[in-house]
Amino acid sequence: MSASQRLSKDEIARMIADDIPTGAFVNLGIGQPTLVADHLDLERGVVLHTENGMLGMGRAAVGDEVDPDLINAGKIPVVETPGASYFHHADSFAMMRGGHLDVCVLGAFQVAVNGDLANWHTGAPDAIPAVGGAMDLAIGAKDVFVMMTLFGKDGASKLVRECTYPLTGVACVSRVYTDHGVFEVGPDGVRLREAHGATREELEERTGLTLA
């Protein structure tokens, strides 16, 4: 496997941005997924929603654009897009739970081949749980994309046959974007859409999974 050919976080974010359908309503999870906003083409009419109560969020703010009162759910300063609106936190969650989002992009500790998602707790006794709106998004969005590194710091695959961490959602993920490739997951198992810095055989050996 070639580390030099792995995708960077920005390259993964750009790939996700390109795959989001024109005119979609999208929520970007805290962490790596927020980078997707920096690569969206506003001419495609994608509208970003934040769980802290904003519709029409733009990219990360820089320099004089920074307004401490204008932030995304991860407390990162952002800019507005034309027509941006604001609303109560409860209304924002009603949008998430009501099936009004076309896509959400979330980080993950583990994703199973059937689409199960674990991203709020590792189960470790000293770990700090962080549920946030992930459970609402995982079930409420029509499509759930995950953005993560394929392997953890210990070298273990985060794409697994079965999640060992507490679940966020069951059979909710449809696509996983990683530094080593893009994977489709679901009832029929996992399919490798494209690989980066590794062959399918190398990825099968490292993950222990059969990749269609």
N, C-alpha and C. Protein backbone atom coordinates (compact mmCIF):
# COMPACT_ATOMS: atom_id res chain seq x y z
N MET A 1 0.84 -1.19 0.00
CA MET A 1 0.00 0.00 0.00
C MET A 1 0.87 1.23 0.00
N SER A 2 0.50 2.23 -0.80
CA SER A 2 1.31 3.44 -0.94
C SER A 2 0.69 4.60 -0.16
N ALA A 3 1.41 5.03 0.89
CA ALA A 3 0.91 6.16 1.69
C ALA A 3 0.88 7.44 0.87
N SER A 4 1.79 7.56 -0.09
CA SER A 4 1.88 8.79 -0.88
C SER A 4 0.68 8.97 -1.80
N GLN A 5 -0.01 7.86 -2.12
CA GLN A 5 -1.16 7.95 -3.03
C GLN A 5 -2.50 8.01 -2.30
N ARG A 6 -2.44 7.98 -0.96
CA ARG A 6 -3.68 8.13 -0.19
C ARG A 6 -4.26 9.52 -0.42
N LEU A 7 -5.58 9.60 -0.33
CA LEU A 7 -6.23 10.89 -0.48
C LEU A 7 -6.08 11.72 0.79
N SER A 8 -5.90 13.02 0.63
CA SER A 8 -5.89 13.93 1.78
C SER A 8 -7.34 14.19 2.20
N LYS A 9 -7.51 14.81 3.35
CA LYS A 9 -8.86 15.15 3.82
C LYS A 9 -9.56 16.08 2.83
N ASP A 10 -8.81 17.03 2.28
CA ASP A 10 -9.41 17.95 1.32
C ASP A 10 -9.80 17.24 0.03
N GLU A 11 -9.00 16.28 -0.39
CA GLU A 11 -9.33 15.53 -1.61
C GLU A 11 -10.58 14.68 -1.41
N ILE A 12 -10.70 14.09 -0.22
CA ILE A 12 -11.92 13.32 0.09
C ILE A 12 -13.12 14.25 0.11
N ALA A 13 -12.97 15.42 0.75
CA ALA A 13 -14.06 16.38 0.85
C ALA A 13 -14.50 16.85 -0.53
N ARG A 14 -13.53 17.07 -1.42
CA ARG A 14 -13.85 17.51 -2.79
C ARG A 14 -14.62 16.42 -3.53
N MET A 15 -14.24 15.17 -3.33
CA MET A 15 -14.93 14.05 -3.97
C MET A 15 -16.38 13.95 -3.50
N ILE A 16 -16.58 14.12 -2.19
CA ILE A 16 -17.94 14.09 -1.65
C ILE A 16 -18.76 15.24 -2.22
N ALA A 17 -18.16 16.44 -2.24
CA ALA A 17 -18.87 17.62 -2.77
C ALA A 17 -19.32 17.38 -4.20
N ASP A 18 -18.47 16.75 -5.00
CA ASP A 18 -18.81 16.48 -6.39
C ASP A 18 -19.95 15.45 -6.51
N ASP A 19 -20.07 14.56 -5.52
CA ASP A 19 -21.08 13.50 -5.57
C ASP A 19 -22.44 13.91 -5.01
N ILE A 20 -22.49 15.06 -4.34
CA ILE A 20 -23.77 15.52 -3.78
C ILE A 20 -24.66 16.00 -4.93
N PRO A 21 -25.88 15.52 -5.00
CA PRO A 21 -26.77 15.87 -6.13
C PRO A 21 -27.07 17.37 -6.18
N THR A 22 -27.25 17.87 -7.38
CA THR A 22 -27.63 19.27 -7.58
C THR A 22 -28.95 19.56 -6.87
N GLY A 23 -28.99 20.69 -6.16
CA GLY A 23 -30.21 21.10 -5.47
C GLY A 23 -30.51 20.38 -4.18
N ALA A 24 -29.58 19.56 -3.69
CA ALA A 24 -29.83 18.77 -2.48
C ALA A 24 -29.75 19.64 -1.22
N PHE A 25 -30.53 19.24 -0.20
CA PHE A 25 -30.43 19.82 1.13
C PHE A 25 -29.54 18.89 1.95
N VAL A 26 -28.47 19.44 2.52
CA VAL A 26 -27.39 18.62 3.08
C VAL A 26 -26.98 19.11 4.46
N ASN A 27 -26.71 18.16 5.35
CA ASN A 27 -26.14 18.48 6.66
C ASN A 27 -24.75 17.88 6.73
N LEU A 28 -23.78 18.67 7.20
CA LEU A 28 -22.41 18.21 7.36
C LEU A 28 -22.10 18.03 8.83
N GLY A 29 -21.68 16.83 9.21
CA GLY A 29 -21.38 16.53 10.61
C GLY A 29 -20.14 17.25 11.10
N ILE A 30 -19.96 17.24 12.40
CA ILE A 30 -18.81 17.87 13.05
C ILE A 30 -17.53 17.11 12.69
N GLY A 31 -16.42 17.84 12.56
CA GLY A 31 -15.14 17.20 12.25
C GLY A 31 -14.83 17.28 10.76
N GLN A 32 -14.26 16.21 10.23
CA GLN A 32 -13.84 16.20 8.83
C GLN A 32 -14.95 16.61 7.85
N PRO A 33 -16.21 16.17 8.04
CA PRO A 33 -17.25 16.51 7.06
C PRO A 33 -17.44 18.01 6.82
N THR A 34 -17.08 18.86 7.78
CA THR A 34 -17.26 20.30 7.58
C THR A 34 -16.42 20.81 6.41
N LEU A 35 -15.36 20.08 6.04
CA LEU A 35 -14.50 20.50 4.93
C LEU A 35 -15.24 20.46 3.60
N VAL A 36 -16.29 19.67 3.52
CA VAL A 36 -17.04 19.55 2.26
C VAL A 36 -17.58 20.91 1.83
N ALA A 37 -17.96 21.75 2.79
CA ALA A 37 -18.52 23.07 2.47
C ALA A 37 -17.55 23.92 1.67
N ASP A 38 -16.24 23.72 1.88
CA ASP A 38 -15.23 24.52 1.20
C ASP A 38 -15.09 24.15 -0.28
N HIS A 39 -15.69 23.04 -0.68
CA HIS A 39 -15.50 22.55 -2.05
C HIS A 39 -16.80 22.49 -2.86
N LEU A 40 -17.88 22.97 -2.28
CA LEU A 40 -19.16 22.95 -3.00
C LEU A 40 -19.25 24.08 -4.02
N ASP A 41 -19.76 23.77 -5.18
CA ASP A 41 -20.02 24.77 -6.21
C ASP A 41 -21.43 25.33 -5.97
N LEU A 42 -21.51 26.57 -5.54
CA LEU A 42 -22.81 27.17 -5.20
C LEU A 42 -23.74 27.25 -6.40
N GLU A 43 -23.18 27.20 -7.60
CA GLU A 43 -24.02 27.26 -8.80
C GLU A 43 -24.89 26.02 -8.94
N ARG A 44 -24.56 24.96 -8.22
CA ARG A 44 -25.32 23.71 -8.30
C ARG A 44 -26.53 23.72 -7.36
N GLY A 45 -26.68 24.77 -6.59
CA GLY A 45 -27.88 24.92 -5.78
C GLY A 45 -27.97 24.04 -4.55
N VAL A 46 -26.85 23.51 -4.09
CA VAL A 46 -26.85 22.72 -2.86
C VAL A 46 -27.04 23.65 -1.67
N VAL A 47 -27.96 23.29 -0.76
CA VAL A 47 -28.26 24.11 0.42
C VAL A 47 -27.80 23.36 1.66
N LEU A 48 -26.93 24.00 2.45
CA LEU A 48 -26.40 23.37 3.66
C LEU A 48 -27.21 23.76 4.88
N HIS A 49 -27.55 22.75 5.68
CA HIS A 49 -28.33 22.90 6.90
C HIS A 49 -27.42 22.61 8.09
N THR A 50 -27.57 23.37 9.17
CA THR A 50 -26.83 23.07 10.39
C THR A 50 -27.82 22.79 11.52
N GLU A 51 -27.44 21.85 12.40
CA GLU A 51 -28.36 21.48 13.47
C GLU A 51 -28.50 22.57 14.52
N ASN A 52 -27.57 23.56 14.52
CA ASN A 52 -27.71 24.65 15.47
C ASN A 52 -28.59 25.77 14.93
N GLY A 53 -29.23 25.55 13.74
CA GLY A 53 -30.28 26.45 13.31
C GLY A 53 -29.99 27.38 12.16
N MET A 54 -29.40 26.86 11.09
CA MET A 54 -29.11 27.70 9.93
C MET A 54 -29.37 26.92 8.66
N LEU A 55 -29.97 27.56 7.70
CA LEU A 55 -30.17 27.00 6.37
C LEU A 55 -29.53 27.96 5.38
N GLY A 56 -28.60 27.44 4.56
CA GLY A 56 -27.86 28.30 3.66
C GLY A 56 -26.47 28.62 4.18
N MET A 57 -25.88 27.68 4.92
CA MET A 57 -24.52 27.87 5.40
C MET A 57 -23.55 27.81 4.23
N GLY A 58 -22.47 28.60 4.32
CA GLY A 58 -21.43 28.58 3.31
C GLY A 58 -20.15 27.94 3.82
N ARG A 59 -19.07 28.25 3.17
CA ARG A 59 -17.75 27.71 3.53
C ARG A 59 -17.26 28.31 4.84
N ALA A 60 -16.11 27.83 5.30
CA ALA A 60 -15.49 28.39 6.51
C ALA A 60 -15.10 29.84 6.27
N ALA A 61 -15.35 30.67 7.26
CA ALA A 61 -15.00 32.10 7.17
C ALA A 61 -13.50 32.30 7.37
N VAL A 62 -12.96 33.31 6.71
CA VAL A 62 -11.54 33.63 6.86
C VAL A 62 -11.38 35.13 7.06
N GLY A 63 -10.34 35.52 7.77
CA GLY A 63 -10.00 36.93 7.93
C GLY A 63 -11.14 37.77 8.49
N ASP A 64 -11.45 38.85 7.80
CA ASP A 64 -12.49 39.78 8.25
C ASP A 64 -13.90 39.21 8.14
N GLU A 65 -14.04 38.06 7.48
CA GLU A 65 -15.36 37.43 7.36
C GLU A 65 -15.83 36.83 8.67
N VAL A 66 -14.90 36.56 9.58
CA VAL A 66 -15.23 35.85 10.82
C VAL A 66 -16.18 36.66 11.69
N ASP A 67 -17.31 36.05 12.02
CA ASP A 67 -18.29 36.62 12.94
C ASP A 67 -18.52 35.56 14.01
N PRO A 68 -18.14 35.81 15.26
CA PRO A 68 -18.26 34.79 16.32
C PRO A 68 -19.69 34.31 16.55
N ASP A 69 -20.69 35.08 16.08
CA ASP A 69 -22.08 34.66 16.23
C ASP A 69 -22.57 33.82 15.05
N LEU A 70 -21.74 33.67 14.03
CA LEU A 70 -22.13 32.94 12.83
C LEU A 70 -21.23 31.71 12.71
N ILE A 71 -21.71 30.60 13.26
CA ILE A 71 -20.89 29.38 13.32
C ILE A 71 -21.70 28.17 12.88
N ASN A 72 -20.98 27.10 12.54
CA ASN A 72 -21.66 25.84 12.25
C ASN A 72 -21.79 25.02 13.54
N ALA A 73 -22.29 23.80 13.43
CA ALA A 73 -22.53 22.98 14.62
C ALA A 73 -21.25 22.62 15.36
N GLY A 74 -20.11 22.70 14.65
CA GLY A 74 -18.83 22.42 15.28
C GLY A 74 -18.14 23.66 15.81
N LYS A 75 -18.90 24.79 15.87
CA LYS A 75 -18.40 26.06 16.39
C LYS A 75 -17.32 26.69 15.51
N ILE A 76 -17.27 26.30 14.24
CA ILE A 76 -16.35 26.90 13.28
C ILE A 76 -17.05 28.07 12.60
N PRO A 77 -16.43 29.27 12.57
CA PRO A 77 -17.05 30.41 11.89
C PRO A 77 -17.26 30.11 10.40
N VAL A 78 -18.43 30.48 9.90
CA VAL A 78 -18.77 30.23 8.50
C VAL A 78 -19.35 31.50 7.89
N VAL A 79 -19.52 31.48 6.57
CA VAL A 79 -20.16 32.60 5.88
C VAL A 79 -21.57 32.17 5.48
N GLU A 80 -22.39 33.19 5.17
CA GLU A 80 -23.74 32.94 4.69
C GLU A 80 -23.72 32.80 3.16
N THR A 81 -24.73 32.12 2.63
CA THR A 81 -24.98 32.17 1.19
C THR A 81 -26.24 33.01 0.99
N PRO A 82 -26.46 33.54 -0.22
CA PRO A 82 -27.65 34.38 -0.46
C PRO A 82 -28.94 33.65 -0.07
N GLY A 83 -29.78 34.32 0.72
CA GLY A 83 -31.04 33.72 1.15
C GLY A 83 -30.94 32.91 2.43
N ALA A 84 -29.80 32.94 3.11
CA ALA A 84 -29.63 32.17 4.35
C ALA A 84 -30.67 32.58 5.39
N SER A 85 -31.10 31.61 6.18
CA SER A 85 -32.10 31.88 7.22
C SER A 85 -31.72 31.18 8.52
N TYR A 86 -32.35 31.63 9.60
CA TYR A 86 -32.02 31.12 10.94
C TYR A 86 -33.30 30.73 11.65
N PHE A 87 -33.19 29.75 12.56
CA PHE A 87 -34.39 29.26 13.24
C PHE A 87 -33.99 28.58 14.54
N HIS A 88 -35.01 28.26 15.34
CA HIS A 88 -34.81 27.63 16.64
C HIS A 88 -34.19 26.25 16.48
N HIS A 89 -33.40 25.87 17.48
CA HIS A 89 -32.76 24.56 17.51
C HIS A 89 -33.80 23.43 17.34
N ALA A 90 -34.94 23.58 17.98
CA ALA A 90 -35.98 22.55 17.89
C ALA A 90 -36.51 22.42 16.47
N ASP A 91 -36.65 23.55 15.77
CA ASP A 91 -37.10 23.51 14.37
C ASP A 91 -36.05 22.82 13.49
N SER A 92 -34.78 23.05 13.81
CA SER A 92 -33.72 22.42 13.05
C SER A 92 -33.78 20.90 13.17
N PHE A 93 -34.02 20.43 14.40
CA PHE A 93 -34.12 18.98 14.62
C PHE A 93 -35.39 18.41 13.99
N ALA A 94 -36.43 19.21 13.92
CA ALA A 94 -37.65 18.75 13.25
C ALA A 94 -37.38 18.53 11.76
N MET A 95 -36.56 19.39 11.16
CA MET A 95 -36.17 19.20 9.77
C MET A 95 -35.39 17.91 9.60
N MET A 96 -34.47 17.64 10.54
CA MET A 96 -33.65 16.44 10.47
C MET A 96 -34.49 15.17 10.64
N ARG A 97 -35.37 15.20 11.62
CA ARG A 97 -36.18 14.01 11.92
C ARG A 97 -37.33 13.81 10.94
N GLY A 98 -37.70 14.87 10.25
CA GLY A 98 -38.87 14.80 9.37
C GLY A 98 -38.58 14.34 7.96
N GLY A 99 -37.34 13.92 7.68
CA GLY A 99 -37.01 13.42 6.36
C GLY A 99 -36.81 14.50 5.31
N HIS A 100 -36.45 15.72 5.74
CA HIS A 100 -36.32 16.83 4.80
C HIS A 100 -34.91 17.00 4.24
N LEU A 101 -33.96 16.21 4.76
CA LEU A 101 -32.58 16.30 4.28
C LEU A 101 -32.32 15.20 3.24
N ASP A 102 -31.71 15.59 2.14
CA ASP A 102 -31.39 14.61 1.10
C ASP A 102 -30.14 13.81 1.45
N VAL A 103 -29.16 14.49 2.02
CA VAL A 103 -27.87 13.85 2.34
C VAL A 103 -27.35 14.40 3.65
N CYS A 104 -26.73 13.54 4.45
CA CYS A 104 -25.90 14.01 5.54
C CYS A 104 -24.54 13.33 5.41
N VAL A 105 -23.50 14.04 5.82
CA VAL A 105 -22.14 13.51 5.79
C VAL A 105 -21.63 13.47 7.23
N LEU A 106 -21.29 12.28 7.70
CA LEU A 106 -20.90 12.10 9.09
C LEU A 106 -19.52 11.46 9.19
N GLY A 107 -18.84 11.69 10.30
CA GLY A 107 -17.63 10.95 10.62
C GLY A 107 -18.02 9.64 11.29
N ALA A 108 -17.05 8.76 11.51
CA ALA A 108 -17.39 7.47 12.13
C ALA A 108 -16.18 6.83 12.80
N PHE A 109 -16.48 6.08 13.85
CA PHE A 109 -15.47 5.19 14.44
C PHE A 109 -15.47 3.86 13.71
N GLN A 110 -16.66 3.40 13.32
CA GLN A 110 -16.80 2.15 12.58
C GLN A 110 -18.03 2.22 11.67
N VAL A 111 -17.93 1.56 10.51
CA VAL A 111 -19.08 1.34 9.65
C VAL A 111 -19.08 -0.14 9.27
N ALA A 112 -20.21 -0.80 9.41
CA ALA A 112 -20.32 -2.21 9.05
C ALA A 112 -20.71 -2.36 7.59
N VAL A 113 -20.43 -3.53 7.03
CA VAL A 113 -20.69 -3.77 5.61
C VAL A 113 -22.18 -3.66 5.25
N ASN A 114 -23.06 -3.81 6.25
CA ASN A 114 -24.50 -3.68 5.97
C ASN A 114 -25.01 -2.26 6.15
N GLY A 115 -24.09 -1.32 6.51
CA GLY A 115 -24.47 0.08 6.68
C GLY A 115 -24.70 0.52 8.11
N ASP A 116 -24.50 -0.35 9.09
CA ASP A 116 -24.58 0.07 10.50
C ASP A 116 -23.51 1.12 10.77
N LEU A 117 -23.85 2.08 11.61
CA LEU A 117 -22.95 3.19 11.92
C LEU A 117 -22.67 3.29 13.42
N ALA A 118 -21.40 3.45 13.78
CA ALA A 118 -21.00 3.70 15.17
C ALA A 118 -20.12 4.93 15.17
N ASN A 119 -20.62 6.04 15.72
CA ASN A 119 -19.81 7.26 15.68
C ASN A 119 -19.95 8.16 16.90
N TRP A 120 -20.57 7.65 17.98
CA TRP A 120 -20.75 8.53 19.14
C TRP A 120 -19.99 8.09 20.37
N HIS A 121 -19.49 6.85 20.42
CA HIS A 121 -18.81 6.34 21.61
C HIS A 121 -18.01 5.10 21.22
N THR A 122 -16.79 5.02 21.73
CA THR A 122 -15.99 3.82 21.48
C THR A 122 -16.25 2.72 22.50
N GLY A 123 -17.03 3.05 23.53
CA GLY A 123 -17.29 2.07 24.57
C GLY A 123 -16.22 2.02 25.64
N ALA A 124 -15.11 2.73 25.43
CA ALA A 124 -14.04 2.76 26.42
C ALA A 124 -14.52 3.48 27.67
N PRO A 125 -14.17 2.99 28.88
CA PRO A 125 -14.66 3.59 30.13
C PRO A 125 -14.26 5.04 30.32
N ASP A 126 -13.12 5.46 29.72
CA ASP A 126 -12.67 6.85 29.90
C ASP A 126 -13.04 7.74 28.71
N ALA A 127 -13.77 7.19 27.74
CA ALA A 127 -14.14 7.98 26.56
C ALA A 127 -15.31 8.89 26.87
N ILE A 128 -15.32 10.05 26.23
CA ILE A 128 -16.40 11.02 26.43
C ILE A 128 -17.43 10.82 25.33
N PRO A 129 -18.65 10.41 25.67
CA PRO A 129 -19.67 10.20 24.63
C PRO A 129 -20.07 11.51 23.98
N ALA A 130 -20.39 11.47 22.69
CA ALA A 130 -20.75 12.69 21.96
C ALA A 130 -21.86 12.36 20.97
N VAL A 131 -23.08 12.28 21.46
CA VAL A 131 -24.20 11.92 20.60
C VAL A 131 -24.53 13.04 19.63
N GLY A 132 -24.70 14.26 20.13
CA GLY A 132 -25.08 15.37 19.27
C GLY A 132 -26.35 15.06 18.49
N GLY A 133 -26.35 15.41 17.20
CA GLY A 133 -27.52 15.12 16.37
C GLY A 133 -27.31 13.93 15.46
N ALA A 134 -26.24 13.15 15.70
CA ALA A 134 -25.88 12.07 14.77
C ALA A 134 -26.99 11.04 14.61
N MET A 135 -27.65 10.68 15.70
CA MET A 135 -28.70 9.66 15.60
C MET A 135 -29.88 10.17 14.78
N ASP A 136 -30.23 11.43 14.97
CA ASP A 136 -31.32 12.03 14.22
C ASP A 136 -30.98 12.12 12.73
N LEU A 137 -29.73 12.50 12.45
CA LEU A 137 -29.29 12.62 11.06
C LEU A 137 -29.20 11.27 10.37
N ALA A 138 -28.66 10.29 11.09
CA ALA A 138 -28.45 8.96 10.50
C ALA A 138 -29.77 8.33 10.05
N ILE A 139 -30.82 8.59 10.80
CA ILE A 139 -32.12 7.99 10.48
C ILE A 139 -32.97 8.93 9.63
N GLY A 140 -32.80 10.24 9.79
CA GLY A 140 -33.67 11.20 9.12
C GLY A 140 -33.27 11.53 7.70
N ALA A 141 -31.96 11.48 7.38
CA ALA A 141 -31.52 11.84 6.03
C ALA A 141 -31.80 10.70 5.05
N LYS A 142 -32.08 11.05 3.81
CA LYS A 142 -32.38 10.04 2.80
C LYS A 142 -31.14 9.26 2.40
N ASP A 143 -29.98 9.91 2.42
CA ASP A 143 -28.71 9.26 2.11
C ASP A 143 -27.69 9.65 3.16
N VAL A 144 -26.94 8.67 3.68
CA VAL A 144 -25.92 8.95 4.69
C VAL A 144 -24.56 8.57 4.10
N PHE A 145 -23.69 9.58 3.95
CA PHE A 145 -22.32 9.37 3.53
C PHE A 145 -21.43 9.47 4.77
N VAL A 146 -20.40 8.65 4.82
CA VAL A 146 -19.44 8.72 5.91
C VAL A 146 -18.08 9.13 5.35
N MET A 147 -17.42 10.04 6.05
CA MET A 147 -16.07 10.49 5.70
C MET A 147 -15.15 10.13 6.86
N MET A 148 -14.15 9.29 6.60
CA MET A 148 -13.26 8.85 7.67
C MET A 148 -11.97 8.29 7.07
N THR A 149 -10.95 8.09 7.91
CA THR A 149 -9.80 7.32 7.49
C THR A 149 -10.19 5.86 7.51
N LEU A 150 -9.61 5.07 6.62
CA LEU A 150 -9.99 3.66 6.56
C LEU A 150 -9.45 2.87 7.74
N PHE A 151 -8.28 3.28 8.25
CA PHE A 151 -7.66 2.57 9.36
C PHE A 151 -7.44 3.50 10.54
N GLY A 152 -7.61 2.96 11.74
CA GLY A 152 -7.40 3.73 12.95
C GLY A 152 -5.92 3.86 13.27
N LYS A 153 -5.62 4.57 14.34
CA LYS A 153 -4.22 4.76 14.75
C LYS A 153 -3.56 3.44 15.11
N ASP A 154 -4.36 2.45 15.52
CA ASP A 154 -3.82 1.14 15.85
C ASP A 154 -3.70 0.23 14.63
N GLY A 155 -4.06 0.76 13.46
CA GLY A 155 -3.96 -0.02 12.23
C GLY A 155 -5.18 -0.86 11.91
N ALA A 156 -6.15 -0.88 12.83
CA ALA A 156 -7.35 -1.69 12.61
C ALA A 156 -8.29 -1.01 11.62
N SER A 157 -8.96 -1.82 10.81
CA SER A 157 -9.90 -1.28 9.84
C SER A 157 -11.13 -0.72 10.55
N LYS A 158 -11.59 0.45 10.08
CA LYS A 158 -12.82 1.05 10.61
C LYS A 158 -14.03 0.65 9.78
N LEU A 159 -13.77 0.02 8.63
CA LEU A 159 -14.82 -0.63 7.85
C LEU A 159 -14.79 -2.09 8.26
N VAL A 160 -15.88 -2.57 8.87
CA VAL A 160 -15.85 -3.87 9.55
C VAL A 160 -17.03 -4.75 9.14
N ARG A 161 -16.88 -6.02 9.45
CA ARG A 161 -17.97 -6.96 9.18
C ARG A 161 -19.15 -6.66 10.10
N GLU A 162 -18.86 -6.33 11.34
CA GLU A 162 -19.90 -6.01 12.33
C GLU A 162 -19.33 -5.03 13.33
N CYS A 163 -20.06 -3.96 13.63
CA CYS A 163 -19.58 -2.95 14.58
C CYS A 163 -19.44 -3.54 15.98
N THR A 164 -18.35 -3.18 16.64
CA THR A 164 -18.15 -3.59 18.04
C THR A 164 -18.39 -2.42 18.99
N TYR A 165 -18.51 -1.21 18.46
CA TYR A 165 -18.81 -0.04 19.27
C TYR A 165 -20.33 0.17 19.33
N PRO A 166 -20.82 0.92 20.32
CA PRO A 166 -22.26 1.20 20.41
C PRO A 166 -22.77 1.85 19.12
N LEU A 167 -23.91 1.38 18.63
CA LEU A 167 -24.43 1.86 17.35
C LEU A 167 -25.09 3.23 17.45
N THR A 168 -24.91 4.01 16.40
CA THR A 168 -25.62 5.27 16.22
C THR A 168 -26.90 5.04 15.43
N GLY A 169 -26.79 4.21 14.39
CA GLY A 169 -27.93 3.90 13.54
C GLY A 169 -27.72 2.54 12.89
N VAL A 170 -28.83 1.89 12.55
CA VAL A 170 -28.80 0.55 11.95
C VAL A 170 -29.05 0.64 10.45
N ALA A 171 -28.17 0.03 9.67
CA ALA A 171 -28.32 -0.06 8.21
C ALA A 171 -28.68 1.29 7.59
N CYS A 172 -27.98 2.34 7.99
CA CYS A 172 -28.31 3.70 7.54
C CYS A 172 -27.30 4.27 6.55
N VAL A 173 -26.08 3.79 6.55
CA VAL A 173 -25.03 4.34 5.69
C VAL A 173 -25.13 3.72 4.29
N SER A 174 -24.96 4.55 3.27
CA SER A 174 -24.97 4.04 1.90
C SER A 174 -23.59 4.10 1.24
N ARG A 175 -22.75 5.04 1.66
CA ARG A 175 -21.45 5.20 1.02
C ARG A 175 -20.40 5.66 2.02
N VAL A 176 -19.18 5.13 1.90
CA VAL A 176 -18.09 5.47 2.81
C VAL A 176 -16.91 6.00 2.00
N TYR A 177 -16.49 7.23 2.30
CA TYR A 177 -15.37 7.87 1.63
C TYR A 177 -14.17 7.85 2.58
N THR A 178 -13.06 7.28 2.12
CA THR A 178 -11.87 7.17 2.96
C THR A 178 -10.63 7.59 2.18
N ASP A 179 -9.50 7.66 2.90
CA ASP A 179 -8.23 8.01 2.26
C ASP A 179 -7.75 6.93 1.31
N HIS A 180 -8.24 5.70 1.46
CA HIS A 180 -7.80 4.60 0.59
C HIS A 180 -8.83 4.19 -0.44
N GLY A 181 -10.01 4.76 -0.41
CA GLY A 181 -11.00 4.40 -1.42
C GLY A 181 -12.41 4.75 -1.01
N VAL A 182 -13.32 4.53 -1.95
CA VAL A 182 -14.74 4.79 -1.73
C VAL A 182 -15.47 3.45 -1.78
N PHE A 183 -16.36 3.24 -0.80
CA PHE A 183 -17.04 1.96 -0.65
C PHE A 183 -18.56 2.17 -0.61
N GLU A 184 -19.29 1.32 -1.31
CA GLU A 184 -20.74 1.28 -1.21
C GLU A 184 -21.09 0.17 -0.23
N VAL A 185 -21.96 0.46 0.75
CA VAL A 185 -22.36 -0.56 1.72
C VAL A 185 -23.88 -0.68 1.77
N GLY A 186 -24.35 -1.82 2.23
CA GLY A 186 -25.80 -2.04 2.29
C GLY A 186 -26.15 -3.50 2.45
N PRO A 187 -27.39 -3.86 2.18
CA PRO A 187 -27.87 -5.23 2.40
C PRO A 187 -27.08 -6.29 1.64
N ASP A 188 -26.50 -5.91 0.51
CA ASP A 188 -25.76 -6.87 -0.31
C ASP A 188 -24.28 -6.91 0.02
N GLY A 189 -23.88 -6.23 1.11
CA GLY A 189 -22.47 -6.23 1.49
C GLY A 189 -21.76 -4.99 1.00
N VAL A 190 -20.45 -5.08 0.85
CA VAL A 190 -19.62 -3.91 0.53
C VAL A 190 -19.02 -4.05 -0.87
N ARG A 191 -19.05 -2.93 -1.59
CA ARG A 191 -18.49 -2.88 -2.94
C ARG A 191 -17.47 -1.76 -3.01
N LEU A 192 -16.30 -2.06 -3.54
CA LEU A 192 -15.25 -1.06 -3.72
C LEU A 192 -15.52 -0.28 -5.00
N ARG A 193 -15.81 1.03 -4.87
CA ARG A 193 -16.07 1.84 -6.05
C ARG A 193 -14.78 2.32 -6.69
N GLU A 194 -13.83 2.73 -5.85
CA GLU A 194 -12.52 3.13 -6.35
C GLU A 194 -11.50 3.03 -5.22
N ALA A 195 -10.24 2.74 -5.60
CA ALA A 195 -9.17 2.58 -4.62
C ALA A 195 -8.08 3.62 -4.85
N HIS A 196 -7.39 3.99 -3.76
CA HIS A 196 -6.31 4.97 -3.83
C HIS A 196 -5.14 4.48 -2.98
N GLY A 197 -4.00 4.28 -3.62
CA GLY A 197 -2.81 3.86 -2.90
C GLY A 197 -2.82 2.40 -2.50
N ALA A 198 -3.74 1.61 -3.05
CA ALA A 198 -3.81 0.18 -2.72
C ALA A 198 -4.64 -0.53 -3.77
N THR A 199 -4.37 -1.80 -3.95
CA THR A 199 -5.18 -2.61 -4.85
C THR A 199 -6.35 -3.19 -4.08
N ARG A 200 -7.32 -3.73 -4.80
CA ARG A 200 -8.46 -4.37 -4.14
C ARG A 200 -7.98 -5.52 -3.26
N GLU A 201 -7.01 -6.28 -3.75
CA GLU A 201 -6.49 -7.41 -2.98
C GLU A 201 -5.82 -6.95 -1.69
N GLU A 202 -5.07 -5.86 -1.76
CA GLU A 202 -4.42 -5.34 -0.56
C GLU A 202 -5.45 -4.84 0.45
N LEU A 203 -6.48 -4.19 -0.05
CA LEU A 203 -7.53 -3.70 0.85
C LEU A 203 -8.29 -4.87 1.48
N GLU A 204 -8.54 -5.92 0.73
CA GLU A 204 -9.20 -7.10 1.29
C GLU A 204 -8.36 -7.71 2.40
N GLU A 205 -7.04 -7.77 2.17
CA GLU A 205 -6.15 -8.35 3.18
C GLU A 205 -6.13 -7.51 4.45
N ARG A 206 -6.05 -6.17 4.30
CA ARG A 206 -5.98 -5.29 5.47
C ARG A 206 -7.31 -5.23 6.23
N THR A 207 -8.42 -5.20 5.50
CA THR A 207 -9.72 -5.08 6.16
C THR A 207 -10.31 -6.41 6.59
N GLY A 208 -9.87 -7.49 5.95
CA GLY A 208 -10.45 -8.80 6.23
C GLY A 208 -11.81 -8.97 5.61
N LEU A 209 -12.15 -8.13 4.62
CA LEU A 209 -13.47 -8.18 4.00
C LEU A 209 -13.37 -8.58 2.54
N THR A 210 -14.43 -9.18 2.03
CA THR A 210 -14.52 -9.46 0.61
C THR A 210 -15.15 -8.25 -0.07
N LEU A 211 -14.42 -7.66 -1.01
CA LEU A 211 -14.87 -6.43 -1.66
C LEU A 211 -15.32 -6.74 -3.09
N ALA A 212 -16.59 -6.55 -3.34
CA ALA A 212 -17.11 -6.79 -4.69
C ALA A 212 -16.59 -5.73 -5.63
